[in-house]
C-alpha atoms as a PDB file:
ATOM      1  CA  GLY A   1     125.356  79.699  -3.097  1.00  0.00           C
ATOM      2  CA  GLY A   2     128.553  81.013  -1.624  1.00  0.00           C
ATOM      3  CA  LEU A   3     130.772  79.672  -4.383  1.00  0.00           C
ATOM      4  CA  ALA A   4     132.987  82.776  -4.481  1.00  0.00           C
ATOM      5  CA  ARG A   5     134.616  81.657  -1.238  1.00  0.00           C
ATOM      6  CA  LYS A   6     135.222  78.102  -2.468  1.00  0.00           C
ATOM      7  CA  VAL A   7     136.173  78.684  -6.113  1.00  0.00           C
ATOM      8  CA  PRO A   8     137.385  82.277  -6.445  1.00  0.00           C
ATOM      9  CA  TRP A   9     139.051  81.876  -9.884  1.00  0.00           C
ATOM     10  CA  VAL A  10     136.020  80.233 -11.437  1.00  0.00           C
ATOM     11  CA  GLY A  11     133.817  82.849  -9.796  1.00  0.00           C
ATOM     12  CA  THR A  12     135.916  85.725 -11.077  1.00  0.00           C
ATOM     13  CA  CYS A  13     135.863  84.441 -14.658  1.00  0.00           C
ATOM     14  CA  PHE A  14     132.119  83.772 -14.503  1.00  0.00           C
ATOM     15  CA  ILE A  15     131.447  87.236 -13.093  1.00  0.00           C
ATOM     16  CA  ILE A  16     133.528  88.892 -15.830  1.00  0.00           C
ATOM     17  CA  ALA A  17     131.620  86.948 -18.489  1.00  0.00           C
ATOM     18  CA  GLY A  18     128.272  87.742 -16.864  1.00  0.00           C
ATOM     19  CA  LEU A  19     129.004  91.449 -16.635  1.00  0.00           C
ATOM     20  CA  ALA A  20     130.172  91.443 -20.266  1.00  0.00           C
ATOM     21  CA  GLY A  21     126.888  89.780 -21.178  1.00  0.00           C
ATOM     22  CA  ILE A  22     124.902  92.666 -19.748  1.00  0.00           C
ATOM     23  CA  GLY A  23     127.042  95.192 -21.621  1.00  0.00           C
ATOM     24  CA  LEU A  24     129.050  96.715 -18.798  1.00  0.00           C
ATOM     25  CA  PRO A  25     131.401  99.415 -20.177  1.00  0.00           C
ATOM     26  CA  GLY A  26     134.983  98.228 -20.412  1.00  0.00           C
ATOM     27  CA  LEU A  27     134.008  94.673 -21.293  1.00  0.00           C
ATOM     28  CA  ALA A  28     133.488  93.089 -24.706  1.00  0.00           C
ATOM     29  CA  GLY A  29     129.688  93.183 -24.612  1.00  0.00           C
ATOM     30  CA  PHE A  30     129.507  96.964 -24.369  1.00  0.00           C
ATOM     31  CA  PRO A  31     130.884  97.947 -27.808  1.00  0.00           C
ATOM     32  CA  ALA A  32     128.654  95.358 -29.471  1.00  0.00           C
ATOM     33  CA  GLU A  33     125.506  96.508 -27.691  1.00  0.00           C
ATOM     34  CA  PHE A  34     126.386 100.154 -28.223  1.00  0.00           C
ATOM     35  CA  MET A  35     126.862  99.721 -31.979  1.00  0.00           C
ATOM     36  CA  ILE A  36     123.674  97.690 -32.282  1.00  0.00           C
ATOM     37  CA  PHE A  37     121.590 100.253 -30.418  1.00  0.00           C
ATOM     38  CA  MET A  38     123.084 103.221 -32.252  1.00  0.00           C
ATOM     39  CA  GLY A  39     122.365 101.595 -35.614  1.00  0.00           C
ATOM     40  CA  ALA A  40     118.900 100.517 -34.576  1.00  0.00           C
ATOM     41  CA  PHE A  41     118.089 103.947 -33.163  1.00  0.00           C
ATOM     42  CA  GLU A  42     118.985 105.624 -36.444  1.00  0.00           C
ATOM     43  CA  ARG A  43     116.681 103.330 -38.375  1.00  0.00           C
ATOM     44  CA  PHE A  44     113.898 102.510 -35.869  1.00  0.00           C
ATOM     45  CA  PRO A  45     113.967 104.987 -32.962  1.00  0.00           C
ATOM     46  CA  LEU A  46     110.622 104.046 -31.424  1.00  0.00           C
ATOM     47  CA  LEU A  47     111.233 100.300 -31.553  1.00  0.00           C
ATOM     48  CA  THR A  48     114.690 100.795 -30.096  1.00  0.00           C
ATOM     49  CA  LEU A  49     113.292 102.760 -27.163  1.00  0.00           C
ATOM     50  CA  ILE A  50     110.736 100.014 -26.607  1.00  0.00           C
ATOM     51  CA  ALA A  51     113.570  97.446 -26.515  1.00  0.00           C
ATOM     52  CA  VAL A  52     115.610  99.278 -23.858  1.00  0.00           C
ATOM     53  CA  PRO A  53     113.689  97.816 -20.885  1.00  0.00           C
ATOM     54  CA  SER A  54     114.794  94.351 -22.002  1.00  0.00           C
ATOM     55  CA  LEU A  55     118.380  95.438 -21.316  1.00  0.00           C
ATOM     56  CA  VAL A  56     117.421  96.476 -17.818  1.00  0.00           C
ATOM     57  CA  LEU A  57     115.587  93.208 -17.180  1.00  0.00           C
ATOM     58  CA  GLY A  58     118.497  91.187 -18.565  1.00  0.00           C
ATOM     59  CA  ALA A  59     120.955  93.044 -16.349  1.00  0.00           C
ATOM     60  CA  PHE A  60     118.723  92.546 -13.319  1.00  0.00           C
ATOM     61  CA  TYR A  61     118.462  88.830 -14.018  1.00  0.00           C
ATOM     62  CA  MET A  62     122.210  88.361 -14.516  1.00  0.00           C
ATOM     63  CA  LEU A  63     123.133  90.348 -11.408  1.00  0.00           C
ATOM     64  CA  ARG A  64     120.619  88.370  -9.378  1.00  0.00           C
ATOM     65  CA  VAL A  65     122.054  85.063 -10.629  1.00  0.00           C
ATOM     66  CA  LEU A  66     125.608  86.207  -9.848  1.00  0.00           C
ATOM     67  CA  GLN A  67     124.570  87.315  -6.379  1.00  0.00           C
ATOM     68  CA  ARG A  68     122.776  84.075  -5.561  1.00  0.00           C
ATOM     69  CA  VAL A  69     125.334  81.677  -6.988  1.00  0.00           C
ATOM     70  CA  PHE A  70     128.540  83.337  -5.857  1.00  0.00           C
ATOM     71  CA  PHE A  71     127.678  85.565  -2.916  1.00  0.00           C
ATOM     72  CA  GLY A  72     124.476  84.123  -1.482  1.00  0.00           C
ATOM     73  CA  PRO A  73     124.258  81.791   1.495  1.00  0.00           C
ATOM     74  CA  GLU A  74     125.891  78.398   1.061  1.00  0.00           C
ATOM     75  CA  ALA A  75     123.474  75.787  -0.183  1.00  0.00           C
ATOM     76  CA  GLY A  76     125.393  72.914   1.352  1.00  0.00           C
ATOM     77  CA  LEU A  77     125.214  70.932  -1.879  1.00  0.00           C
ATOM     78  CA  THR A  78     128.809  71.584  -2.975  1.00  0.00           C
ATOM     79  CA  PRO A  79     131.090  70.638  -0.072  1.00  0.00           C
ATOM     80  CA  ASN A  80     133.832  69.057  -2.218  1.00  0.00           C
ATOM     81  CA  VAL A  81     134.277  71.611  -4.988  1.00  0.00           C
ATOM     82  CA  HIS A  82     137.799  72.786  -5.701  1.00  0.00           C
ATOM     83  CA  ASP A  83     139.052  75.792  -7.568  1.00  0.00           C
ATOM     84  CA  VAL A  84     140.862  75.334 -10.849  1.00  0.00           C
ATOM     85  CA  GLY A  85     144.621  75.108 -10.989  1.00  0.00           C
ATOM     86  CA  LEU A  86     146.815  77.181 -13.269  1.00  0.00           C
ATOM     87  CA  PHE A  87     146.856  74.626 -16.097  1.00  0.00           C
ATOM     88  CA  SER A  88     143.138  73.828 -16.120  1.00  0.00           C
ATOM     89  CA  GLY A  89     142.182  77.439 -15.403  1.00  0.00           C
ATOM     90  CA  SER A  90     144.358  79.028 -18.077  1.00  0.00           C
ATOM     91  CA  PRO A  91     141.657  78.886 -20.802  1.00  0.00           C
ATOM     92  CA  ARG A  92     139.233  80.662 -18.477  1.00  0.00           C
ATOM     93  CA  ILE A  93     141.820  83.278 -17.587  1.00  0.00           C
ATOM     94  CA  LEU A  94     142.673  83.772 -21.272  1.00  0.00           C
ATOM     95  CA  LEU A  95     139.006  84.233 -22.202  1.00  0.00           C
ATOM     96  CA  ALA A  96     138.439  86.669 -19.336  1.00  0.00           C
ATOM     97  CA  GLY A  97     141.497  88.613 -20.475  1.00  0.00           C
ATOM     98  CA  LEU A  98     140.180  88.738 -24.039  1.00  0.00           C
ATOM     99  CA  ILE A  99     136.783  89.936 -22.798  1.00  0.00           C
ATOM    100  CA  ILE A 100     138.509  92.815 -21.012  1.00  0.00           C
ATOM    101  CA  LEU A 101     140.911  93.522 -23.897  1.00  0.00           C
ATOM    102  CA  PHE A 102     138.148  93.699 -26.525  1.00  0.00           C
ATOM    103  CA  GLY A 103     136.080  95.857 -24.195  1.00  0.00           C
ATOM    104  CA  VAL A 104     138.873  98.360 -23.667  1.00  0.00           C
ATOM    105  CA  VAL A 105     140.206  98.275 -27.257  1.00  0.00           C
ATOM    106  CA  PRO A 106     137.265  97.134 -29.430  1.00  0.00           C
ATOM    107  CA  ARG A 107     139.028  98.267 -32.607  1.00  0.00           C
ATOM    108  CA  LEU A 108     141.215  95.143 -32.427  1.00  0.00           C
ATOM    109  CA  LEU A 109     138.178  93.047 -33.273  1.00  0.00           C
ATOM    110  CA  SER A 110     136.067  95.489 -35.276  1.00  0.00           C
ATOM    111  CA  ASP A 111     138.862  96.139 -37.797  1.00  0.00           C
ATOM    112  CA  VAL A 112     139.019  92.407 -38.518  1.00  0.00           C
ATOM    113  CA  ILE A 113     135.238  92.034 -38.836  1.00  0.00           C
ATOM    114  CA  ALA A 114     134.477  95.250 -40.775  1.00  0.00           C
ATOM    115  CA  PRO A 115     135.490  94.083 -44.288  1.00  0.00           C
ATOM    116  CA  TYR A 116     133.254  91.019 -43.995  1.00  0.00           C
ATOM    117  CA  ALA A 117     130.347  93.048 -42.615  1.00  0.00           C
ATOM    118  CA  VAL A 118     130.561  95.527 -45.481  1.00  0.00           C
ATOM    119  CA  GLU A 119     130.570  92.642 -47.940  1.00  0.00           C
ATOM    120  CA  LEU A 120     127.454  91.147 -46.320  1.00  0.00           C
ATOM    121  CA  LEU A 121     125.578  94.441 -46.530  1.00  0.00           C
ATOM    122  CA  LYS A 122     126.040  94.765 -50.322  1.00  0.00           C
END
């Protein structure tokens, strides 16, 4: 617990990825979940409505993990952890930036994927 104070860059990147995983609007997970649920609702409305509570449970679980690991009381098991430097942290920062970019402008990725998806559906 309490890792946000010791490793803020790692914590920030992990939090962005976790929030994208639960489909928070503005992050890359939202357009994907939205398209999946819209397509599923058109085809199987009742089953889709039954599946919605799993989203709520998944979000609850992820938020609880984030709270405990990064903002909870210190466990005392990680006294010598250090935050990443610019060189070793740049892949994390790049991935977090891409998660935000594809969440804000999902067309950048969907236009690339669409021709292959159409081909698979034939």
